[in-house]
Amino acid sequence: MTTIEDSLSEIRSVRNDIWRCRKPLQADLPDAEREMIEKRLLEQRSAFEGLLASTFPLALKLSSSSEETRLGLAFQSGNVDVFVERR
């Protein structure tokens, strides 16, 4: 069983990998290299979201309308932010 500290450490590690993948995309790259980096970034983001879901499984759905009230975790601009959205 992993501890919360281990999980948070792994989340930070993947987040840092995402930042490292995003940085070269700001430069002018050949198409093949850009596609390789974008693929790696997509894999890292998927891993990040999986880690978040397994570490913080709480996501309450309080409304079934299109404007839901939710308590959960968001991946925004490379940061993990706890948020509450209200209708």
PDB file of N, CA and C in Angstrom:
ATOM      1  N   MET A   1       0.848  -1.178   0.000  1.00  0.00           N
ATOM      2  CA  MET A   1       0.000   0.000   0.000  1.00  0.00           C
ATOM      3  C   MET A   1       0.893   1.241   0.000  1.00  0.00           C
ATOM      4  N   THR A   2       0.618   2.145  -0.905  1.00  0.00           N
ATOM      5  CA  THR A   2       1.425   3.360  -0.974  1.00  0.00           C
ATOM      6  C   THR A   2       0.850   4.424  -0.052  1.00  0.00           C
ATOM      7  N   THR A   3       1.739   5.246   0.437  1.00  0.00           N
ATOM      8  CA  THR A   3       1.306   6.325   1.321  1.00  0.00           C
ATOM      9  C   THR A   3       0.924   7.538   0.490  1.00  0.00           C
ATOM     10  N   ILE A   4       0.247   8.466   1.105  1.00  0.00           N
ATOM     11  CA  ILE A   4      -0.140   9.688   0.415  1.00  0.00           C
ATOM     12  C   ILE A   4       1.097  10.471  -0.013  1.00  0.00           C
ATOM     13  N   GLU A   5       2.163  10.418   0.802  1.00  0.00           N
ATOM     14  CA  GLU A   5       3.397  11.112   0.450  1.00  0.00           C
ATOM     15  C   GLU A   5       4.003  10.531  -0.823  1.00  0.00           C
ATOM     16  N   ASP A   6       3.966   9.189  -0.960  1.00  0.00           N
ATOM     17  CA  ASP A   6       4.473   8.547  -2.175  1.00  0.00           C
ATOM     18  C   ASP A   6       3.646   8.950  -3.393  1.00  0.00           C
ATOM     19  N   SER A   7       2.340   8.968  -3.209  1.00  0.00           N
ATOM     20  CA  SER A   7       1.453   9.344  -4.310  1.00  0.00           C
ATOM     21  C   SER A   7       1.676  10.789  -4.730  1.00  0.00           C
ATOM     22  N   LEU A   8       1.793  11.682  -3.759  1.00  0.00           N
ATOM     23  CA  LEU A   8       2.029  13.089  -4.073  1.00  0.00           C
ATOM     24  C   LEU A   8       3.378  13.299  -4.745  1.00  0.00           C
ATOM     25  N   SER A   9       4.364  12.546  -4.315  1.00  0.00           N
ATOM     26  CA  SER A   9       5.685  12.624  -4.935  1.00  0.00           C
ATOM     27  C   SER A   9       5.623  12.184  -6.395  1.00  0.00           C
ATOM     28  N   GLU A  10       4.887  11.122  -6.654  1.00  0.00           N
ATOM     29  CA  GLU A  10       4.734  10.646  -8.032  1.00  0.00           C
ATOM     30  C   GLU A  10       3.953  11.654  -8.879  1.00  0.00           C
ATOM     31  N   ILE A  11       2.939  12.266  -8.307  1.00  0.00           N
ATOM     32  CA  ILE A  11       2.171  13.301  -9.013  1.00  0.00           C
ATOM     33  C   ILE A  11       3.084  14.466  -9.374  1.00  0.00           C
ATOM     34  N   ARG A  12       3.907  14.907  -8.420  1.00  0.00           N
ATOM     35  CA  ARG A  12       4.833  16.011  -8.699  1.00  0.00           C
ATOM     36  C   ARG A  12       5.829  15.638  -9.796  1.00  0.00           C
ATOM     37  N   SER A  13       6.301  14.411  -9.765  1.00  0.00           N
ATOM     38  CA  SER A  13       7.253  13.952 -10.772  1.00  0.00           C
ATOM     39  C   SER A  13       6.645  13.976 -12.171  1.00  0.00           C
ATOM     40  N   VAL A  14       5.430  13.477 -12.302  1.00  0.00           N
ATOM     41  CA  VAL A  14       4.760  13.479 -13.610  1.00  0.00           C
ATOM     42  C   VAL A  14       4.442  14.906 -14.030  1.00  0.00           C
ATOM     43  N   ARG A  15       4.034  15.741 -13.092  1.00  0.00           N
ATOM     44  CA  ARG A  15       3.766  17.154 -13.402  1.00  0.00           C
ATOM     45  C   ARG A  15       5.033  17.823 -13.945  1.00  0.00           C
ATOM     46  N   ASN A  16       6.164  17.552 -13.321  1.00  0.00           N
ATOM     47  CA  ASN A  16       7.422  18.124 -13.797  1.00  0.00           C
ATOM     48  C   ASN A  16       7.782  17.609 -15.188  1.00  0.00           C
ATOM     49  N   ASP A  17       7.501  16.338 -15.445  1.00  0.00           N
ATOM     50  CA  ASP A  17       7.722  15.789 -16.792  1.00  0.00           C
ATOM     51  C   ASP A  17       6.857  16.514 -17.817  1.00  0.00           C
ATOM     52  N   ILE A  18       5.626  16.817 -17.442  1.00  0.00           N
ATOM     53  CA  ILE A  18       4.724  17.545 -18.343  1.00  0.00           C
ATOM     54  C   ILE A  18       5.303  18.918 -18.651  1.00  0.00           C
ATOM     55  N   TRP A  19       5.790  19.602 -17.626  1.00  0.00           N
ATOM     56  CA  TRP A  19       6.386  20.919 -17.843  1.00  0.00           C
ATOM     57  C   TRP A  19       7.592  20.819 -18.779  1.00  0.00           C
ATOM     58  N   ARG A  20       8.409  19.780 -18.567  1.00  0.00           N
ATOM     59  CA  ARG A  20       9.582  19.599 -19.428  1.00  0.00           C
ATOM     60  C   ARG A  20       9.179  19.300 -20.865  1.00  0.00           C
ATOM     61  N   CYS A  21       8.085  18.574 -21.057  1.00  0.00           N
ATOM     62  CA  CYS A  21       7.610  18.268 -22.414  1.00  0.00           C
ATOM     63  C   CYS A  21       7.043  19.517 -23.089  1.00  0.00           C
ATOM     64  N   ARG A  22       6.412  20.370 -22.333  1.00  0.00           N
ATOM     65  CA  ARG A  22       5.776  21.558 -22.919  1.00  0.00           C
ATOM     66  C   ARG A  22       6.780  22.612 -23.343  1.00  0.00           C
ATOM     67  N   LYS A  23       7.893  22.709 -22.638  1.00  0.00           N
ATOM     68  CA  LYS A  23       8.867  23.753 -22.916  1.00  0.00           C
ATOM     69  C   LYS A  23       9.418  23.696 -24.350  1.00  0.00           C
ATOM     70  N   PRO A  24       9.861  22.544 -24.864  1.00  0.00           N
ATOM     71  CA  PRO A  24      10.383  22.516 -26.237  1.00  0.00           C
ATOM     72  C   PRO A  24       9.329  22.836 -27.297  1.00  0.00           C
ATOM     73  N   LEU A  25       8.050  22.664 -26.978  1.00  0.00           N
ATOM     74  CA  LEU A  25       7.000  22.947 -27.955  1.00  0.00           C
ATOM     75  C   LEU A  25       6.900  24.432 -28.280  1.00  0.00           C
ATOM     76  N   GLN A  26       7.491  25.281 -27.453  1.00  0.00           N
ATOM     77  CA  GLN A  26       7.478  26.715 -27.713  1.00  0.00           C
ATOM     78  C   GLN A  26       8.471  27.092 -28.811  1.00  0.00           C
ATOM     79  N   ALA A  27       9.420  26.218 -29.088  1.00  0.00           N
ATOM     80  CA  ALA A  27      10.432  26.479 -30.112  1.00  0.00           C
ATOM     81  C   ALA A  27       9.933  25.990 -31.476  1.00  0.00           C
ATOM     82  N   ASP A  28      10.618  26.416 -32.514  1.00  0.00           N
ATOM     83  CA  ASP A  28      10.305  25.976 -33.867  1.00  0.00           C
ATOM     84  C   ASP A  28      10.971  24.613 -34.080  1.00  0.00           C
ATOM     85  N   LEU A  29      10.161  23.554 -34.148  1.00  0.00           N
ATOM     86  CA  LEU A  29      10.671  22.195 -34.259  1.00  0.00           C
ATOM     87  C   LEU A  29      10.234  21.560 -35.577  1.00  0.00           C
ATOM     88  N   PRO A  30      11.014  20.592 -36.050  1.00  0.00           N
ATOM     89  CA  PRO A  30      10.557  19.809 -37.209  1.00  0.00           C
ATOM     90  C   PRO A  30       9.274  19.058 -36.837  1.00  0.00           C
ATOM     91  N   ASP A  31       8.432  18.807 -37.832  1.00  0.00           N
ATOM     92  CA  ASP A  31       7.139  18.170 -37.582  1.00  0.00           C
ATOM     93  C   ASP A  31       7.261  16.839 -36.860  1.00  0.00           C
ATOM     94  N   ALA A  32       8.220  16.010 -37.266  1.00  0.00           N
ATOM     95  CA  ALA A  32       8.376  14.683 -36.652  1.00  0.00           C
ATOM     96  C   ALA A  32       8.721  14.801 -35.168  1.00  0.00           C
ATOM     97  N   GLU A  33       9.617  15.729 -34.847  1.00  0.00           N
ATOM     98  CA  GLU A  33      10.007  15.912 -33.447  1.00  0.00           C
ATOM     99  C   GLU A  33       8.844  16.482 -32.635  1.00  0.00           C
ATOM    100  N   ARG A  34       8.114  17.432 -33.214  1.00  0.00           N
ATOM    101  CA  ARG A  34       6.958  18.026 -32.539  1.00  0.00           C
ATOM    102  C   ARG A  34       5.903  16.950 -32.248  1.00  0.00           C
ATOM    103  N   GLU A  35       5.637  16.086 -33.221  1.00  0.00           N
ATOM    104  CA  GLU A  35       4.651  15.015 -33.022  1.00  0.00           C
ATOM    105  C   GLU A  35       5.089  14.059 -31.926  1.00  0.00           C
ATOM    106  N   MET A  36       6.390  13.738 -31.877  1.00  0.00           N
ATOM    107  CA  MET A  36       6.898  12.845 -30.843  1.00  0.00           C
ATOM    108  C   MET A  36       6.711  13.471 -29.457  1.00  0.00           C
ATOM    109  N   ILE A  37       7.021  14.755 -29.339  1.00  0.00           N
ATOM    110  CA  ILE A  37       6.878  15.450 -28.055  1.00  0.00           C
ATOM    111  C   ILE A  37       5.406  15.556 -27.663  1.00  0.00           C
ATOM    112  N   GLU A  38       4.539  15.865 -28.628  1.00  0.00           N
ATOM    113  CA  GLU A  38       3.109  15.959 -28.335  1.00  0.00           C
ATOM    114  C   GLU A  38       2.545  14.612 -27.886  1.00  0.00           C
ATOM    115  N   LYS A  39       3.032  13.527 -28.504  1.00  0.00           N
ATOM    116  CA  LYS A  39       2.594  12.195 -28.091  1.00  0.00           C
ATOM    117  C   LYS A  39       3.038  11.908 -26.657  1.00  0.00           C
ATOM    118  N   ARG A  40       4.276  12.247 -26.344  1.00  0.00           N
ATOM    119  CA  ARG A  40       4.800  12.051 -24.982  1.00  0.00           C
ATOM    120  C   ARG A  40       4.003  12.894 -23.984  1.00  0.00           C
ATOM    121  N   LEU A  41       3.675  14.119 -24.372  1.00  0.00           N
ATOM    122  CA  LEU A  41       2.897  15.001 -23.505  1.00  0.00           C
ATOM    123  C   LEU A  41       1.515  14.417 -23.234  1.00  0.00           C
ATOM    124  N   LEU A  42       0.898  13.890 -24.260  1.00  0.00           N
ATOM    125  CA  LEU A  42      -0.417  13.259 -24.098  1.00  0.00           C
ATOM    126  C   LEU A  42      -0.338  12.062 -23.143  1.00  0.00           C
ATOM    127  N   GLU A  43       0.707  11.252 -23.283  1.00  0.00           N
ATOM    128  CA  GLU A  43       0.897  10.106 -22.380  1.00  0.00           C
ATOM    129  C   GLU A  43       1.088  10.571 -20.940  1.00  0.00           C
ATOM    130  N   GLN A  44       1.890  11.625 -20.759  1.00  0.00           N
ATOM    131  CA  GLN A  44       2.137  12.135 -19.411  1.00  0.00           C
ATOM    132  C   GLN A  44       0.871  12.722 -18.794  1.00  0.00           C
ATOM    133  N   ARG A  45       0.099  13.435 -19.591  1.00  0.00           N
ATOM    134  CA  ARG A  45      -1.151  14.003 -19.067  1.00  0.00           C
ATOM    135  C   ARG A  45      -2.131  12.909 -18.673  1.00  0.00           C
ATOM    136  N   SER A  46      -2.174  11.855 -19.457  1.00  0.00           N
ATOM    137  CA  SER A  46      -3.043  10.726 -19.130  1.00  0.00           C
ATOM    138  C   SER A  46      -2.594  10.074 -17.821  1.00  0.00           C
ATOM    139  N   ALA A  47      -1.290   9.887 -17.675  1.00  0.00           N
ATOM    140  CA  ALA A  47      -0.747   9.318 -16.438  1.00  0.00           C
ATOM    141  C   ALA A  47      -1.054  10.229 -15.253  1.00  0.00           C
ATOM    142  N   PHE A  48      -0.924  11.538 -15.461  1.00  0.00           N
ATOM    143  CA  PHE A  48      -1.202  12.518 -14.413  1.00  0.00           C
ATOM    144  C   PHE A  48      -2.655  12.430 -13.958  1.00  0.00           C
ATOM    145  N   GLU A  49      -3.565  12.397 -14.918  1.00  0.00           N
ATOM    146  CA  GLU A  49      -4.986  12.303 -14.583  1.00  0.00           C
ATOM    147  C   GLU A  49      -5.306  10.999 -13.867  1.00  0.00           C
ATOM    148  N   GLY A  50      -4.669   9.903 -14.281  1.00  0.00           N
ATOM    149  CA  GLY A  50      -4.867   8.627 -13.603  1.00  0.00           C
ATOM    150  C   GLY A  50      -4.372   8.660 -12.169  1.00  0.00           C
ATOM    151  N   LEU A  51      -3.216   9.264 -11.963  1.00  0.00           N
ATOM    152  CA  LEU A  51      -2.679   9.389 -10.606  1.00  0.00           C
ATOM    153  C   LEU A  51      -3.588  10.249  -9.733  1.00  0.00           C
ATOM    154  N   LEU A  52      -4.088  11.345 -10.304  1.00  0.00           N
ATOM    155  CA  LEU A  52      -5.004  12.196  -9.540  1.00  0.00           C
ATOM    156  C   LEU A  52      -6.264  11.429  -9.150  1.00  0.00           C
ATOM    157  N   ALA A  53      -6.814  10.688 -10.105  1.00  0.00           N
ATOM    158  CA  ALA A  53      -8.047   9.950  -9.836  1.00  0.00           C
ATOM    159  C   ALA A  53      -7.835   8.875  -8.775  1.00  0.00           C
ATOM    160  N   SER A  54      -6.680   8.228  -8.790  1.00  0.00           N
ATOM    161  CA  SER A  54      -6.446   7.178  -7.805  1.00  0.00           C
ATOM    162  C   SER A  54      -6.047   7.741  -6.442  1.00  0.00           C
ATOM    163  N   THR A  55      -5.405   8.898  -6.430  1.00  0.00           N
ATOM    164  CA  THR A  55      -4.983   9.502  -5.167  1.00  0.00           C
ATOM    165  C   THR A  55      -6.119  10.261  -4.504  1.00  0.00           C
ATOM    166  N   PHE A  56      -6.924  10.947  -5.331  1.00  0.00           N
ATOM    167  CA  PHE A  56      -8.040  11.750  -4.833  1.00  0.00           C
ATOM    168  C   PHE A  56      -9.322  11.283  -5.520  1.00  0.00           C
ATOM    169  N   PRO A  57      -9.867  10.145  -5.111  1.00  0.00           N
ATOM    170  CA  PRO A  57     -11.023   9.587  -5.812  1.00  0.00           C
ATOM    171  C   PRO A  57     -12.334  10.321  -5.559  1.00  0.00           C
ATOM    172  N   LEU A  58     -12.338  11.305  -4.690  1.00  0.00           N
ATOM    173  CA  LEU A  58     -13.564  12.010  -4.348  1.00  0.00           C
ATOM    174  C   LEU A  58     -13.993  12.934  -5.479  1.00  0.00           C
ATOM    175  N   ALA A  59     -15.159  12.695  -5.995  1.00  0.00           N
ATOM    176  CA  ALA A  59     -15.784  13.583  -6.978  1.00  0.00           C
ATOM    177  C   ALA A  59     -17.285  13.407  -6.809  1.00  0.00           C
ATOM    178  N   LEU A  60     -17.900  14.342  -6.153  1.00  0.00           N
ATOM    179  CA  LEU A  60     -19.323  14.246  -5.867  1.00  0.00           C
ATOM    180  C   LEU A  60     -20.117  14.923  -6.964  1.00  0.00           C
ATOM    181  N   LYS A  61     -21.095  14.247  -7.483  1.00  0.00           N
ATOM    182  CA  LYS A  61     -21.978  14.822  -8.490  1.00  0.00           C
ATOM    183  C   LYS A  61     -23.291  15.137  -7.787  1.00  0.00           C
ATOM    184  N   LEU A  62     -23.566  16.420  -7.611  1.00  0.00           N
ATOM    185  CA  LEU A  62     -24.723  16.830  -6.842  1.00  0.00           C
ATOM    186  C   LEU A  62     -25.906  17.235  -7.703  1.00  0.00           C
ATOM    187  N   SER A  63     -25.705  17.341  -9.004  1.00  0.00           N
ATOM    188  CA  SER A  63     -26.770  17.768  -9.901  1.00  0.00           C
ATOM    189  C   SER A  63     -26.602  17.048 -11.230  1.00  0.00           C
ATOM    190  N   SER A  64     -27.697  16.744 -11.908  1.00  0.00           N
ATOM    191  CA  SER A  64     -27.604  16.055 -13.183  1.00  0.00           C
ATOM    192  C   SER A  64     -27.753  17.001 -14.366  1.00  0.00           C
ATOM    193  N   SER A  65     -27.928  18.303 -14.116  1.00  0.00           N
ATOM    194  CA  SER A  65     -28.071  19.260 -15.205  1.00  0.00           C
ATOM    195  C   SER A  65     -26.723  19.524 -15.864  1.00  0.00           C
ATOM    196  N   SER A  66     -26.732  20.237 -16.976  1.00  0.00           N
ATOM    197  CA  SER A  66     -25.485  20.519 -17.682  1.00  0.00           C
ATOM    198  C   SER A  66     -24.591  21.452 -16.875  1.00  0.00           C
ATOM    199  N   GLU A  67     -25.175  22.267 -16.006  1.00  0.00           N
ATOM    200  CA  GLU A  67     -24.385  23.089 -15.101  1.00  0.00           C
ATOM    201  C   GLU A  67     -24.377  22.395 -13.745  1.00  0.00           C
ATOM    202  N   GLU A  68     -23.419  21.499 -13.591  1.00  0.00           N
ATOM    203  CA  GLU A  68     -23.360  20.702 -12.377  1.00  0.00           C
ATOM    204  C   GLU A  68     -22.676  21.464 -11.256  1.00  0.00           C
ATOM    205  N   THR A  69     -23.040  21.098 -10.050  1.00  0.00           N
ATOM    206  CA  THR A  69     -22.309  21.542  -8.883  1.00  0.00           C
ATOM    207  C   THR A  69     -21.416  20.371  -8.509  1.00  0.00           C
ATOM    208  N   ARG A  70     -20.119  20.612  -8.524  1.00  0.00           N
ATOM    209  CA  ARG A  70     -19.190  19.505  -8.286  1.00  0.00           C
ATOM    210  C   ARG A  70     -18.103  19.913  -7.318  1.00  0.00           C
ATOM    211  N   LEU A  71     -17.652  18.940  -6.561  1.00  0.00           N
ATOM    212  CA  LEU A  71     -16.490  19.099  -5.717  1.00  0.00           C
ATOM    213  C   LEU A  71     -15.488  18.096  -6.231  1.00  0.00           C
ATOM    214  N   GLY A  72     -14.299  18.535  -6.592  1.00  0.00           N
ATOM    215  CA  GLY A  72     -13.330  17.601  -7.138  1.00  0.00           C
ATOM    216  C   GLY A  72     -11.989  18.245  -7.323  1.00  0.00           C
ATOM    217  N   LEU A  73     -11.215  17.670  -8.205  1.00  0.00           N
ATOM    218  CA  LEU A  73      -9.882  18.170  -8.507  1.00  0.00           C
ATOM    219  C   LEU A  73      -9.806  18.522  -9.972  1.00  0.00           C
ATOM    220  N   ALA A  74      -9.067  19.558 -10.282  1.00  0.00           N
ATOM    221  CA  ALA A  74      -8.930  19.979 -11.674  1.00  0.00           C
ATOM    222  C   ALA A  74      -7.470  20.070 -12.050  1.00  0.00           C
ATOM    223  N   PHE A  75      -7.195  19.776 -13.283  1.00  0.00           N
ATOM    224  CA  PHE A  75      -5.878  19.971 -13.843  1.00  0.00           C
ATOM    225  C   PHE A  75      -5.976  21.248 -14.667  1.00  0.00           C
ATOM    226  N   GLN A  76      -5.419  22.325 -14.138  1.00  0.00           N
ATOM    227  CA  GLN A  76      -5.527  23.611 -14.821  1.00  0.00           C
ATOM    228  C   GLN A  76      -4.143  24.214 -14.921  1.00  0.00           C
ATOM    229  N   SER A  77      -3.709  24.465 -16.127  1.00  0.00           N
ATOM    230  CA  SER A  77      -2.436  25.134 -16.396  1.00  0.00           C
ATOM    231  C   SER A  77      -1.273  24.456 -15.698  1.00  0.00           C
ATOM    232  N   GLY A  78      -1.310  23.139 -15.631  1.00  0.00           N
ATOM    233  CA  GLY A  78      -0.207  22.408 -15.034  1.00  0.00           C
ATOM    234  C   GLY A  78      -0.229  22.362 -13.522  1.00  0.00           C
ATOM    235  N   ASN A  79      -1.237  22.918 -12.897  1.00  0.00           N
ATOM    236  CA  ASN A  79      -1.336  22.911 -11.434  1.00  0.00           C
ATOM    237  C   ASN A  79      -2.530  22.085 -11.011  1.00  0.00           C
ATOM    238  N   VAL A  80      -2.430  21.509  -9.840  1.00  0.00           N
ATOM    239  CA  VAL A  80      -3.560  20.793  -9.272  1.00  0.00           C
ATOM    240  C   VAL A  80      -4.249  21.760  -8.335  1.00  0.00           C
ATOM    241  N   ASP A  81      -5.491  22.092  -8.650  1.00  0.00           N
ATOM    242  CA  ASP A  81      -6.248  23.037  -7.840  1.00  0.00           C
ATOM    243  C   ASP A  81      -7.525  22.368  -7.372  1.00  0.00           C
ATOM    244  N   VAL A  82      -7.838  22.529  -6.106  1.00  0.00           N
ATOM    245  CA  VAL A  82      -9.120  22.061  -5.600  1.00  0.00           C
ATOM    246  C   VAL A  82     -10.124  23.147  -5.928  1.00  0.00           C
ATOM    247  N   PHE A  83     -11.282  22.749  -6.421  1.00  0.00           N
ATOM    248  CA  PHE A  83     -12.245  23.754  -6.815  1.00  0.00           C
ATOM    249  C   PHE A  83     -13.639  23.347  -6.407  1.00  0.00           C
ATOM    250  N   VAL A  84     -14.514  24.342  -6.308  1.00  0.00           N
ATOM    251  CA  VAL A  84     -15.947  24.144  -6.118  1.00  0.00           C
ATOM    252  C   VAL A  84     -16.619  25.010  -7.162  1.00  0.00           C
ATOM    253  N   GLU A  85     -17.425  24.400  -7.990  1.00  0.00           N
ATOM    254  CA  GLU A  85     -18.166  25.115  -9.038  1.00  0.00           C
ATOM    255  C   GLU A  85     -19.618  25.186  -8.600  1.00  0.00           C
ATOM    256  N   ARG A  86     -20.233  26.348  -8.713  1.00  0.00           N
ATOM    257  CA  ARG A  86     -21.635  26.486  -8.331  1.00  0.00           C
ATOM    258  C   ARG A  86     -22.421  27.005  -9.499  1.00  0.00           C
ATOM    259  N   ARG A  87     -23.690  26.563  -9.581  1.00  0.00           N
ATOM    260  CA  ARG A  87     -24.562  27.042 -10.655  1.00  0.00           C
ATOM    261  C   ARG A  87     -24.935  28.488 -10.440  1.00  0.00           C
TER     262      ARG A  87
END
